[in-house]
């Protein structure tokens, strides 16, 4: 469904994407940190940012979470949580060697890709992983089968790819990529490797697809698109690219409303607003308020999909929460 027509009484309007913001995997990961702090007390160590959002990380730090780059930074015997982006098996081994209690907050959709990598590696396939070099999710997935996985960083990288047997090749992808760019890469790979096998289901997550679809619907009508999200958030960066590709005259990524440059509004009558999958709604509300103060008070929803998916908390946390609930019940 596209946006409703603009009100004739105003030449300034906001197109607000739906869905936007938190996906089920991010919601689960953030709640997991909060519940762990309530259950075990602070500090809870988190390996890498739990999700790629500056505000979320700062908020959790204030509550007692300590973010570290490497497992070696966590004191022996402490609790460490793995971020939503997933980790390689070697990280689990490092944690065991340091006697760390682990809580794995990897998004279940990322875990699915990890399992696919293991399965295809066990069947001796060459795995072409479409993703961005250095991204935490790519590092984690590659670590599942380093001898079988080759990273393909976009369509321009295809010409560099070599495989052992072009009859046993499969592609997988990072979950937060641009849908269009990924399929462009897949098409080029299929030209080079006609027997290339696709994964049993689409690796790009539902939330990434839905947010990109909403931005495509608003893009052609928007003079400016403001994407709320952090620069290290792959899916947020992709939304800017998708907006421009869909016809938006201008598009920018901001963490907070006060990062918007008033000069961007020059000659603008329609502003599209959306947010990446790791962005809390309070930050979007801040942007809408900032725009309203400058005459952009009419807000129209551009709805691309309904989302009702939820994920249960990490099993380690569920186990301890259940045990505590049972103990409280016995003591009544």
C-alpha atoms as a PDB file:
ATOM      1  CA  UNK A   1       0.000   0.000   0.000  1.00  0.00           C
ATOM      2  CA  UNK A   2       1.322   3.472  -0.869  1.00  0.00           C
ATOM      3  CA  UNK A   3       0.892   6.728   0.996  1.00  0.00           C
ATOM      4  CA  UNK A   4      -2.443   8.538   0.944  1.00  0.00           C
ATOM      5  CA  UNK A   5      -2.610  11.794  -1.050  1.00  0.00           C
ATOM      6  CA  UNK A   6      -1.179  14.864   0.601  1.00  0.00           C
ATOM      7  CA  UNK A   7      -3.511  17.329   2.288  1.00  0.00           C
ATOM      8  CA  UNK A   8      -4.160  20.332   0.013  1.00  0.00           C
ATOM      9  CA  UNK A   9      -3.838  22.659   2.995  1.00  0.00           C
ATOM     10  CA  UNK A  10      -0.126  22.064   3.353  1.00  0.00           C
ATOM     11  CA  UNK A  11       2.726  21.821   0.881  1.00  0.00           C
ATOM     12  CA  UNK A  12       4.996  20.248   3.501  1.00  0.00           C
ATOM     13  CA  UNK A  13       4.569  16.625   4.462  1.00  0.00           C
ATOM     14  CA  UNK A  14       6.388  13.662   5.951  1.00  0.00           C
ATOM     15  CA  UNK A  15       6.158  10.148   4.546  1.00  0.00           C
ATOM     16  CA  UNK A  16       6.784   7.778   7.446  1.00  0.00           C
ATOM     17  CA  UNK A  17       7.848   4.246   6.552  1.00  0.00           C
ATOM     18  CA  UNK A  18       6.161   1.226   8.074  1.00  0.00           C
ATOM     19  CA  UNK A  19       7.647  -1.057   9.132  1.00  0.00           C
ATOM     20  CA  UNK A  20      10.756   0.630  10.477  1.00  0.00           C
ATOM     21  CA  UNK A  21      13.031   0.333  13.503  1.00  0.00           C
ATOM     22  CA  UNK A  22      13.498  -2.706  15.724  1.00  0.00           C
ATOM     23  CA  UNK A  23      13.282  -6.135  14.137  1.00  0.00           C
ATOM     24  CA  UNK A  24      12.576  -9.260  16.192  1.00  0.00           C
ATOM     25  CA  UNK A  25      16.267 -10.190  16.432  1.00  0.00           C
ATOM     26  CA  UNK A  26      17.294  -6.771  17.744  1.00  0.00           C
ATOM     27  CA  UNK A  27      14.379  -6.615  20.179  1.00  0.00           C
ATOM     28  CA  UNK A  28      15.372 -10.039  21.523  1.00  0.00           C
ATOM     29  CA  UNK A  29      19.051  -9.064  21.889  1.00  0.00           C
ATOM     30  CA  UNK A  30      18.382  -5.777  23.695  1.00  0.00           C
ATOM     31  CA  UNK A  31      15.865  -7.386  26.066  1.00  0.00           C
ATOM     32  CA  UNK A  32      18.365 -10.198  26.686  1.00  0.00           C
ATOM     33  CA  UNK A  33      20.969  -7.713  27.975  1.00  0.00           C
ATOM     34  CA  UNK A  34      18.384  -5.986  30.183  1.00  0.00           C
ATOM     35  CA  UNK A  35      17.069  -9.283  31.582  1.00  0.00           C
ATOM     36  CA  UNK A  36      20.609 -10.569  32.183  1.00  0.00           C
ATOM     37  CA  UNK A  37      21.440  -7.435  34.178  1.00  0.00           C
ATOM     38  CA  UNK A  38      18.277  -7.932  36.258  1.00  0.00           C
ATOM     39  CA  UNK A  39      18.957 -11.656  36.725  1.00  0.00           C
ATOM     40  CA  UNK A  40      22.701 -11.683  37.439  1.00  0.00           C
ATOM     41  CA  UNK A  41      23.512  -8.051  38.293  1.00  0.00           C
ATOM     42  CA  UNK A  42      26.169  -5.908  36.668  1.00  0.00           C
ATOM     43  CA  UNK A  43      28.514  -6.108  35.015  1.00  0.00           C
ATOM     44  CA  UNK A  44      27.378  -8.168  32.040  1.00  0.00           C
ATOM     45  CA  UNK A  45      30.099  -8.232  29.410  1.00  0.00           C
ATOM     46  CA  UNK A  46      28.979  -8.055  25.781  1.00  0.00           C
ATOM     47  CA  UNK A  47      31.340  -9.030  22.981  1.00  0.00           C
ATOM     48  CA  UNK A  48      31.052  -6.257  20.390  1.00  0.00           C
ATOM     49  CA  UNK A  49      28.045  -3.955  20.241  1.00  0.00           C
ATOM     50  CA  UNK A  50      24.917  -5.992  20.986  1.00  0.00           C
ATOM     51  CA  UNK A  51      23.350  -4.251  17.968  1.00  0.00           C
ATOM     52  CA  UNK A  52      24.785  -1.516  15.762  1.00  0.00           C
ATOM     53  CA  UNK A  53      23.199   1.550  17.322  1.00  0.00           C
ATOM     54  CA  UNK A  54      24.995   4.226  19.301  1.00  0.00           C
ATOM     55  CA  UNK A  55      21.997   5.186  21.485  1.00  0.00           C
ATOM     56  CA  UNK A  56      21.172   1.574  22.399  1.00  0.00           C
ATOM     57  CA  UNK A  57      24.777   0.833  23.366  1.00  0.00           C
ATOM     58  CA  UNK A  58      25.055   4.001  25.481  1.00  0.00           C
ATOM     59  CA  UNK A  59      21.744   3.221  27.228  1.00  0.00           C
ATOM     60  CA  UNK A  60      22.814  -0.329  28.093  1.00  0.00           C
ATOM     61  CA  UNK A  61      26.210   0.894  29.320  1.00  0.00           C
ATOM     62  CA  UNK A  62      24.429   3.143  31.804  1.00  0.00           C
ATOM     63  CA  UNK A  63      22.546   0.084  33.084  1.00  0.00           C
ATOM     64  CA  UNK A  64      25.770  -1.870  33.681  1.00  0.00           C
ATOM     65  CA  UNK A  65      26.698  -3.571  30.411  1.00  0.00           C
ATOM     66  CA  UNK A  66      30.381  -3.499  29.438  1.00  0.00           C
ATOM     67  CA  UNK A  67      31.130  -3.807  25.726  1.00  0.00           C
ATOM     68  CA  UNK A  68      34.436  -5.385  24.720  1.00  0.00           C
ATOM     69  CA  UNK A  69      36.089  -6.069  21.384  1.00  0.00           C
ATOM     70  CA  UNK A  70      37.576  -9.447  22.236  1.00  0.00           C
ATOM     71  CA  UNK A  71      36.754 -12.359  24.533  1.00  0.00           C
ATOM     72  CA  UNK A  72      40.215 -12.011  26.131  1.00  0.00           C
ATOM     73  CA  UNK A  73      39.098  -8.701  27.676  1.00  0.00           C
ATOM     74  CA  UNK A  74      36.450 -10.454  29.787  1.00  0.00           C
ATOM     75  CA  UNK A  75      37.680 -11.420  33.292  1.00  0.00           C
ATOM     76  CA  UNK A  76      37.810 -15.182  33.811  1.00  0.00           C
ATOM     77  CA  UNK A  77      34.661 -16.641  35.329  1.00  0.00           C
ATOM     78  CA  UNK A  78      32.455 -13.697  34.225  1.00  0.00           C
ATOM     79  CA  UNK A  79      29.319 -13.658  32.110  1.00  0.00           C
ATOM     80  CA  UNK A  80      29.687 -12.713  28.447  1.00  0.00           C
ATOM     81  CA  UNK A  81      26.928 -12.228  25.896  1.00  0.00           C
ATOM     82  CA  UNK A  82      27.477 -12.658  22.174  1.00  0.00           C
ATOM     83  CA  UNK A  83      25.891 -10.003  19.970  1.00  0.00           C
ATOM     84  CA  UNK A  84      23.000 -10.408  17.541  1.00  0.00           C
ATOM     85  CA  UNK A  85      25.474 -10.629  14.643  1.00  0.00           C
ATOM     86  CA  UNK A  86      26.800 -14.046  15.701  1.00  0.00           C
ATOM     87  CA  UNK A  87      30.301 -15.355  16.370  1.00  0.00           C
ATOM     88  CA  UNK A  88      32.583 -18.035  14.969  1.00  0.00           C
ATOM     89  CA  UNK A  89      33.045 -21.378  16.762  1.00  0.00           C
ATOM     90  CA  UNK A  90      36.549 -20.267  17.813  1.00  0.00           C
ATOM     91  CA  UNK A  91      34.945 -17.552  19.970  1.00  0.00           C
ATOM     92  CA  UNK A  92      32.898 -20.152  21.838  1.00  0.00           C
ATOM     93  CA  UNK A  93      36.135 -22.108  22.381  1.00  0.00           C
ATOM     94  CA  UNK A  94      37.915 -19.010  23.730  1.00  0.00           C
ATOM     95  CA  UNK A  95      35.041 -18.411  26.147  1.00  0.00           C
ATOM     96  CA  UNK A  96      35.179 -21.998  27.393  1.00  0.00           C
ATOM     97  CA  UNK A  97      38.943 -21.753  27.936  1.00  0.00           C
ATOM     98  CA  UNK A  98      38.410 -18.620  30.061  1.00  0.00           C
ATOM     99  CA  UNK A  99      35.629 -20.335  32.033  1.00  0.00           C
ATOM    100  CA  UNK A 100      33.123 -17.727  30.937  1.00  0.00           C
ATOM    101  CA  UNK A 101      29.390 -18.245  31.312  1.00  0.00           C
ATOM    102  CA  UNK A 102      27.994 -17.424  27.867  1.00  0.00           C
ATOM    103  CA  UNK A 103      24.649 -16.108  26.677  1.00  0.00           C
ATOM    104  CA  UNK A 104      24.280 -16.336  22.912  1.00  0.00           C
ATOM    105  CA  UNK A 105      22.053 -13.529  21.591  1.00  0.00           C
ATOM    106  CA  UNK A 106      22.758 -14.323  17.932  1.00  0.00           C
ATOM    107  CA  UNK A 107      19.700 -13.542  15.823  1.00  0.00           C
ATOM    108  CA  UNK A 108      17.973 -16.832  14.905  1.00  0.00           C
ATOM    109  CA  UNK A 109      18.021 -15.777  11.236  1.00  0.00           C
ATOM    110  CA  UNK A 110      21.814 -15.430  11.393  1.00  0.00           C
ATOM    111  CA  UNK A 111      22.012 -18.802  13.147  1.00  0.00           C
ATOM    112  CA  UNK A 112      20.100 -20.264  10.192  1.00  0.00           C
ATOM    113  CA  UNK A 113      22.830 -19.050   7.821  1.00  0.00           C
ATOM    114  CA  UNK A 114      25.515 -20.518  10.117  1.00  0.00           C
ATOM    115  CA  UNK A 115      23.772 -23.909  10.005  1.00  0.00           C
ATOM    116  CA  UNK A 116      23.506 -23.730   6.217  1.00  0.00           C
ATOM    117  CA  UNK A 117      27.255 -23.015   6.013  1.00  0.00           C
ATOM    118  CA  UNK A 118      28.061 -26.033   8.190  1.00  0.00           C
ATOM    119  CA  UNK A 119      25.752 -28.328   6.209  1.00  0.00           C
ATOM    120  CA  UNK A 120      27.105 -27.349   2.799  1.00  0.00           C
ATOM    121  CA  UNK A 121      30.698 -27.529   4.056  1.00  0.00           C
ATOM    122  CA  UNK A 122      30.052 -31.057   5.356  1.00  0.00           C
ATOM    123  CA  UNK A 123      28.833 -31.928   1.845  1.00  0.00           C
ATOM    124  CA  UNK A 124      32.098 -30.456   0.485  1.00  0.00           C
ATOM    125  CA  UNK A 125      30.561 -27.544  -1.407  1.00  0.00           C
ATOM    126  CA  UNK A 126      32.397 -24.330  -2.165  1.00  0.00           C
ATOM    127  CA  UNK A 127      30.333 -21.647  -0.414  1.00  0.00           C
ATOM    128  CA  UNK A 128      30.206 -18.149  -1.897  1.00  0.00           C
ATOM    129  CA  UNK A 129      29.230 -15.813   0.935  1.00  0.00           C
ATOM    130  CA  UNK A 130      27.836 -12.520  -0.345  1.00  0.00           C
ATOM    131  CA  UNK A 131      28.602  -9.819   2.206  1.00  0.00           C
ATOM    132  CA  UNK A 132      30.821  -6.961   3.285  1.00  0.00           C
ATOM    133  CA  UNK A 133      34.379  -7.694   4.335  1.00  0.00           C
ATOM    134  CA  UNK A 134      35.002  -7.044   8.021  1.00  0.00           C
ATOM    135  CA  UNK A 135      31.342  -7.045   9.048  1.00  0.00           C
ATOM    136  CA  UNK A 136      30.834  -8.980  12.278  1.00  0.00           C
ATOM    137  CA  UNK A 137      28.148 -11.202  10.789  1.00  0.00           C
ATOM    138  CA  UNK A 138      30.391 -12.156   7.865  1.00  0.00           C
ATOM    139  CA  UNK A 139      33.295 -12.923  10.215  1.00  0.00           C
ATOM    140  CA  UNK A 140      31.048 -15.166  12.316  1.00  0.00           C
ATOM    141  CA  UNK A 141      29.558 -17.045   9.365  1.00  0.00           C
ATOM    142  CA  UNK A 142      32.945 -17.481   7.653  1.00  0.00           C
ATOM    143  CA  UNK A 143      34.315 -18.961  10.866  1.00  0.00           C
ATOM    144  CA  UNK A 144      31.893 -21.868  10.630  1.00  0.00           C
ATOM    145  CA  UNK A 145      33.698 -23.268   7.582  1.00  0.00           C
ATOM    146  CA  UNK A 146      36.759 -21.154   6.743  1.00  0.00           C
ATOM    147  CA  UNK A 147      38.188 -23.713   4.302  1.00  0.00           C
ATOM    148  CA  UNK A 148      34.997 -23.775   2.234  1.00  0.00           C
ATOM    149  CA  UNK A 149      33.829 -20.141   2.268  1.00  0.00           C
ATOM    150  CA  UNK A 150      34.850 -17.409  -0.165  1.00  0.00           C
ATOM    151  CA  UNK A 151      33.611 -13.870   0.462  1.00  0.00           C
ATOM    152  CA  UNK A 152      32.001 -12.087  -2.497  1.00  0.00           C
ATOM    153  CA  UNK A 153      31.790  -8.376  -1.692  1.00  0.00           C
ATOM    154  CA  UNK A 154      29.285  -7.202  -4.289  1.00  0.00           C
ATOM    155  CA  UNK A 155      28.815  -7.767  -8.030  1.00  0.00           C
ATOM    156  CA  UNK A 156      32.175  -6.221  -8.953  1.00  0.00           C
ATOM    157  CA  UNK A 157      33.946  -8.905  -6.912  1.00  0.00           C
ATOM    158  CA  UNK A 158      32.524 -11.812  -8.927  1.00  0.00           C
ATOM    159  CA  UNK A 159      35.288 -11.818 -11.544  1.00  0.00           C
ATOM    160  CA  UNK A 160      37.849 -12.611  -8.794  1.00  0.00           C
ATOM    161  CA  UNK A 161      36.010 -15.715  -7.569  1.00  0.00           C
ATOM    162  CA  UNK A 162      37.445 -19.174  -8.194  1.00  0.00           C
ATOM    163  CA  UNK A 163      36.107 -22.550  -7.044  1.00  0.00           C
ATOM    164  CA  UNK A 164      37.395 -26.120  -6.960  1.00  0.00           C
ATOM    165  CA  UNK A 165      34.436 -27.712  -8.735  1.00  0.00           C
ATOM    166  CA  UNK A 166      31.843 -25.554 -10.492  1.00  0.00           C
ATOM    167  CA  UNK A 167      29.257 -28.323 -10.127  1.00  0.00           C
ATOM    168  CA  UNK A 168      29.377 -28.058  -6.316  1.00  0.00           C
ATOM    169  CA  UNK A 169      28.909 -24.360  -5.558  1.00  0.00           C
ATOM    170  CA  UNK A 170      26.296 -22.668  -3.362  1.00  0.00           C
ATOM    171  CA  UNK A 171      25.720 -19.049  -2.371  1.00  0.00           C
ATOM    172  CA  UNK A 172      24.758 -17.695   1.038  1.00  0.00           C
ATOM    173  CA  UNK A 173      24.499 -14.074   2.153  1.00  0.00           C
ATOM    174  CA  UNK A 174      24.786 -11.653   5.016  1.00  0.00           C
ATOM    175  CA  UNK A 175      21.253 -11.014   6.292  1.00  0.00           C
ATOM    176  CA  UNK A 176      21.349  -7.191   6.182  1.00  0.00           C
ATOM    177  CA  UNK A 177      22.306  -6.460   2.570  1.00  0.00           C
ATOM    178  CA  UNK A 178      20.467  -4.592  -0.149  1.00  0.00           C
ATOM    179  CA  UNK A 179      18.074  -7.083  -1.728  1.00  0.00           C
ATOM    180  CA  UNK A 180      18.647  -5.665  -5.222  1.00  0.00           C
ATOM    181  CA  UNK A 181      22.448  -5.626  -4.980  1.00  0.00           C
ATOM    182  CA  UNK A 182      22.485  -9.165  -3.616  1.00  0.00           C
ATOM    183  CA  UNK A 183      20.394 -10.497  -6.480  1.00  0.00           C
ATOM    184  CA  UNK A 184      22.596  -8.605  -8.950  1.00  0.00           C
ATOM    185  CA  UNK A 185      25.581 -10.399  -7.407  1.00  0.00           C
ATOM    186  CA  UNK A 186      23.760 -13.741  -7.571  1.00  0.00           C
ATOM    187  CA  UNK A 187      22.895 -13.196 -11.243  1.00  0.00           C
ATOM    188  CA  UNK A 188      26.540 -12.481 -12.079  1.00  0.00           C
ATOM    189  CA  UNK A 189      27.645 -15.543 -10.118  1.00  0.00           C
ATOM    190  CA  UNK A 190      25.147 -17.699 -12.045  1.00  0.00           C
ATOM    191  CA  UNK A 191      26.581 -16.405 -15.311  1.00  0.00           C
ATOM    192  CA  UNK A 192      30.011 -17.552 -14.187  1.00  0.00           C
ATOM    193  CA  UNK A 193      28.837 -20.738 -12.433  1.00  0.00           C
ATOM    194  CA  UNK A 194      25.647 -21.973 -14.192  1.00  0.00           C
ATOM    195  CA  UNK A 195      25.244 -24.846 -11.705  1.00  0.00           C
ATOM    196  CA  UNK A 196      25.303 -22.500  -8.695  1.00  0.00           C
ATOM    197  CA  UNK A 197      22.852 -23.656  -6.039  1.00  0.00           C
ATOM    198  CA  UNK A 198      20.699 -21.222  -4.042  1.00  0.00           C
ATOM    199  CA  UNK A 199      20.128 -21.714  -0.301  1.00  0.00           C
ATOM    200  CA  UNK A 200      16.848 -23.425   0.663  1.00  0.00           C
ATOM    201  CA  UNK A 201      15.407 -20.072   1.793  1.00  0.00           C
ATOM    202  CA  UNK A 202      16.267 -16.416   1.313  1.00  0.00           C
ATOM    203  CA  UNK A 203      19.105 -15.402   3.658  1.00  0.00           C
ATOM    204  CA  UNK A 204      18.261 -11.685   3.658  1.00  0.00           C
ATOM    205  CA  UNK A 205      15.999 -11.263   6.649  1.00  0.00           C
ATOM    206  CA  UNK A 206      12.326 -10.304   6.445  1.00  0.00           C
ATOM    207  CA  UNK A 207      12.947  -7.037   8.316  1.00  0.00           C
ATOM    208  CA  UNK A 208      15.665  -5.889   5.922  1.00  0.00           C
ATOM    209  CA  UNK A 209      13.406  -6.636   2.947  1.00  0.00           C
ATOM    210  CA  UNK A 210      10.347  -4.940   4.440  1.00  0.00           C
ATOM    211  CA  UNK A 211      12.213  -1.765   5.376  1.00  0.00           C
ATOM    212  CA  UNK A 212      13.738  -1.540   1.909  1.00  0.00           C
ATOM    213  CA  UNK A 213      10.336  -2.091   0.262  1.00  0.00           C
ATOM    214  CA  UNK A 214       8.780   0.757   2.275  1.00  0.00           C
ATOM    215  CA  UNK A 215      11.633   3.082   1.293  1.00  0.00           C
ATOM    216  CA  UNK A 216      11.222   2.135  -2.382  1.00  0.00           C
ATOM    217  CA  UNK A 217       7.541   3.054  -2.171  1.00  0.00           C
ATOM    218  CA  UNK A 218       8.271   6.506  -0.717  1.00  0.00           C
ATOM    219  CA  UNK A 219      11.492   7.208  -2.614  1.00  0.00           C
ATOM    220  CA  UNK A 220      10.050   8.519  -5.878  1.00  0.00           C
ATOM    221  CA  UNK A 221       7.863  11.017  -3.999  1.00  0.00           C
ATOM    222  CA  UNK A 222      10.479  12.236  -1.534  1.00  0.00           C
ATOM    223  CA  UNK A 223      12.681  15.278  -2.029  1.00  0.00           C
ATOM    224  CA  UNK A 224      14.671  14.157   1.018  1.00  0.00           C
ATOM    225  CA  UNK A 225      14.833  10.866   2.928  1.00  0.00           C
ATOM    226  CA  UNK A 226      16.143  10.852   6.485  1.00  0.00           C
ATOM    227  CA  UNK A 227      17.256   7.407   7.670  1.00  0.00           C
ATOM    228  CA  UNK A 228      17.742   7.126  11.417  1.00  0.00           C
ATOM    229  CA  UNK A 229      20.585   4.738  12.179  1.00  0.00           C
ATOM    230  CA  UNK A 230      24.283   4.420  12.959  1.00  0.00           C
ATOM    231  CA  UNK A 231      27.035   4.469  10.347  1.00  0.00           C
ATOM    232  CA  UNK A 232      28.223   0.981  11.348  1.00  0.00           C
ATOM    233  CA  UNK A 233      24.728  -0.450  10.825  1.00  0.00           C
ATOM    234  CA  UNK A 234      24.778  -2.236   7.475  1.00  0.00           C
ATOM    235  CA  UNK A 235      21.012  -2.315   7.040  1.00  0.00           C
ATOM    236  CA  UNK A 236      20.711   1.415   7.870  1.00  0.00           C
ATOM    237  CA  UNK A 237      23.396   2.355   5.324  1.00  0.00           C
ATOM    238  CA  UNK A 238      21.593   0.224   2.724  1.00  0.00           C
ATOM    239  CA  UNK A 239      18.350   2.182   3.317  1.00  0.00           C
ATOM    240  CA  UNK A 240      20.079   5.389   2.209  1.00  0.00           C
ATOM    241  CA  UNK A 241      21.273   3.648  -0.960  1.00  0.00           C
ATOM    242  CA  UNK A 242      17.819   2.176  -1.635  1.00  0.00           C
ATOM    243  CA  UNK A 243      16.159   5.597  -1.175  1.00  0.00           C
ATOM    244  CA  UNK A 244      18.452   7.205  -3.730  1.00  0.00           C
ATOM    245  CA  UNK A 245      18.025   4.279  -6.100  1.00  0.00           C
ATOM    246  CA  UNK A 246      14.229   4.602  -5.814  1.00  0.00           C
ATOM    247  CA  UNK A 247      14.300   8.217  -6.939  1.00  0.00           C
ATOM    248  CA  UNK A 248      14.715  10.288  -3.787  1.00  0.00           C
ATOM    249  CA  UNK A 249      16.509  13.528  -4.651  1.00  0.00           C
ATOM    250  CA  UNK A 250      18.582  13.394  -1.467  1.00  0.00           C
ATOM    251  CA  UNK A 251      19.053  10.975   1.457  1.00  0.00           C
ATOM    252  CA  UNK A 252      21.075  11.077   4.666  1.00  0.00           C
ATOM    253  CA  UNK A 253      21.840   8.847   7.652  1.00  0.00           C
ATOM    254  CA  UNK A 254      21.633  10.368  11.139  1.00  0.00           C
ATOM    255  CA  UNK A 255      21.878   8.954  14.643  1.00  0.00           C
ATOM    256  CA  UNK A 256      19.912  11.800  16.227  1.00  0.00           C
ATOM    257  CA  UNK A 257      17.632  14.631  15.090  1.00  0.00           C
ATOM    258  CA  UNK A 258      20.222  17.283  15.923  1.00  0.00           C
ATOM    259  CA  UNK A 259      22.462  15.852  13.190  1.00  0.00           C
ATOM    260  CA  UNK A 260      20.020  16.962  10.491  1.00  0.00           C
ATOM    261  CA  UNK A 261      21.342  19.923   8.533  1.00  0.00           C
ATOM    262  CA  UNK A 262      18.693  22.605   7.958  1.00  0.00           C
ATOM    263  CA  UNK A 263      20.247  23.219   4.541  1.00  0.00           C
ATOM    264  CA  UNK A 264      18.925  19.792   3.481  1.00  0.00           C
ATOM    265  CA  UNK A 265      15.375  21.230   3.679  1.00  0.00           C
ATOM    266  CA  UNK A 266      16.002  23.941   1.102  1.00  0.00           C
ATOM    267  CA  UNK A 267      13.380  23.567  -1.642  1.00  0.00           C
ATOM    268  CA  UNK A 268      12.000  20.420   0.012  1.00  0.00           C
ATOM    269  CA  UNK A 269       8.263  19.773   0.357  1.00  0.00           C
ATOM    270  CA  UNK A 270       8.239  16.002   1.013  1.00  0.00           C
ATOM    271  CA  UNK A 271      10.515  14.305   3.546  1.00  0.00           C
ATOM    272  CA  UNK A 272      10.634  10.534   3.873  1.00  0.00           C
ATOM    273  CA  UNK A 273      11.556   9.153   7.298  1.00  0.00           C
ATOM    274  CA  UNK A 274      12.557   5.629   8.220  1.00  0.00           C
ATOM    275  CA  UNK A 275      14.934   3.848  10.579  1.00  0.00           C
ATOM    276  CA  UNK A 276      17.228   0.857  10.541  1.00  0.00           C
ATOM    277  CA  UNK A 277      16.398  -2.443  12.228  1.00  0.00           C
ATOM    278  CA  UNK A 278      18.454  -1.617  15.343  1.00  0.00           C
ATOM    279  CA  UNK A 279      16.890   1.809  16.014  1.00  0.00           C
ATOM    280  CA  UNK A 280      14.472   2.458  18.903  1.00  0.00           C
ATOM    281  CA  UNK A 281      11.340   4.425  18.041  1.00  0.00           C
ATOM    282  CA  UNK A 282      12.227   7.257  20.435  1.00  0.00           C
ATOM    283  CA  UNK A 283      14.908   8.394  17.960  1.00  0.00           C
ATOM    284  CA  UNK A 284      12.388   8.502  15.094  1.00  0.00           C
ATOM    285  CA  UNK A 285      10.016  10.506  17.287  1.00  0.00           C
ATOM    286  CA  UNK A 286      12.825  12.985  17.831  1.00  0.00           C
ATOM    287  CA  UNK A 287      13.242  13.429  14.064  1.00  0.00           C
ATOM    288  CA  UNK A 288       9.489  13.869  13.534  1.00  0.00           C
ATOM    289  CA  UNK A 289       9.407  16.510  16.276  1.00  0.00           C
ATOM    290  CA  UNK A 290      12.392  18.323  14.709  1.00  0.00           C
ATOM    291  CA  UNK A 291      10.637  18.349  11.325  1.00  0.00           C
ATOM    292  CA  UNK A 292       7.298  19.457  12.822  1.00  0.00           C
ATOM    293  CA  UNK A 293       9.008  22.487  14.344  1.00  0.00           C
ATOM    294  CA  UNK A 294      10.014  23.437  10.799  1.00  0.00           C
ATOM    295  CA  UNK A 295       6.556  23.126   9.280  1.00  0.00           C
ATOM    296  CA  UNK A 296       6.513  19.427   8.418  1.00  0.00           C
ATOM    297  CA  UNK A 297       3.547  18.521  10.603  1.00  0.00           C
ATOM    298  CA  UNK A 298       1.492  16.381   8.203  1.00  0.00           C
ATOM    299  CA  UNK A 299       2.624  12.753   8.556  1.00  0.00           C
ATOM    300  CA  UNK A 300       1.442  10.062   6.161  1.00  0.00           C
ATOM    301  CA  UNK A 301       2.227   6.375   6.657  1.00  0.00           C
ATOM    302  CA  UNK A 302       3.769   4.381   3.801  1.00  0.00           C
ATOM    303  CA  UNK A 303       2.985   0.798   4.752  1.00  0.00           C
ATOM    304  CA  UNK A 304       4.851  -2.034   3.041  1.00  0.00           C
ATOM    305  CA  UNK A 305       4.085  -4.994   5.323  1.00  0.00           C
ATOM    306  CA  UNK A 306       2.768  -6.175   8.666  1.00  0.00           C
ATOM    307  CA  UNK A 307       5.305  -7.722  11.040  1.00  0.00           C
ATOM    308  CA  UNK A 308       4.323 -10.076  13.830  1.00  0.00           C
ATOM    309  CA  UNK A 309       7.459 -12.226  14.211  1.00  0.00           C
ATOM    310  CA  UNK A 310       8.933 -12.568  17.693  1.00  0.00           C
ATOM    311  CA  UNK A 311      11.841 -14.639  18.980  1.00  0.00           C
ATOM    312  CA  UNK A 312      12.197 -16.187  22.422  1.00  0.00           C
ATOM    313  CA  UNK A 313      15.094 -15.141  24.656  1.00  0.00           C
ATOM    314  CA  UNK A 314      18.438 -17.010  24.461  1.00  0.00           C
ATOM    315  CA  UNK A 315      18.113 -20.506  25.923  1.00  0.00           C
ATOM    316  CA  UNK A 316      20.681 -19.895  28.693  1.00  0.00           C
ATOM    317  CA  UNK A 317      18.700 -16.926  29.963  1.00  0.00           C
ATOM    318  CA  UNK A 318      15.341 -18.709  29.666  1.00  0.00           C
ATOM    319  CA  UNK A 319      16.718 -21.627  31.692  1.00  0.00           C
ATOM    320  CA  UNK A 320      17.841 -19.411  34.588  1.00  0.00           C
ATOM    321  CA  UNK A 321      14.690 -17.277  34.543  1.00  0.00           C
ATOM    322  CA  UNK A 322      12.566 -20.445  34.712  1.00  0.00           C
ATOM    323  CA  UNK A 323      14.672 -21.817  37.572  1.00  0.00           C
ATOM    324  CA  UNK A 324      14.262 -18.578  39.521  1.00  0.00           C
ATOM    325  CA  UNK A 325      10.498 -18.537  38.905  1.00  0.00           C
ATOM    326  CA  UNK A 326      10.231 -22.157  40.087  1.00  0.00           C
ATOM    327  CA  UNK A 327      12.247 -21.388  43.227  1.00  0.00           C
ATOM    328  CA  UNK A 328      10.045 -18.413  44.039  1.00  0.00           C
ATOM    329  CA  UNK A 329       6.973 -20.592  43.559  1.00  0.00           C
ATOM    330  CA  UNK A 330       8.291 -23.216  45.996  1.00  0.00           C
ATOM    331  CA  UNK A 331       8.996 -20.567  48.627  1.00  0.00           C
ATOM    332  CA  UNK A 332       5.487 -19.156  48.621  1.00  0.00           C
END
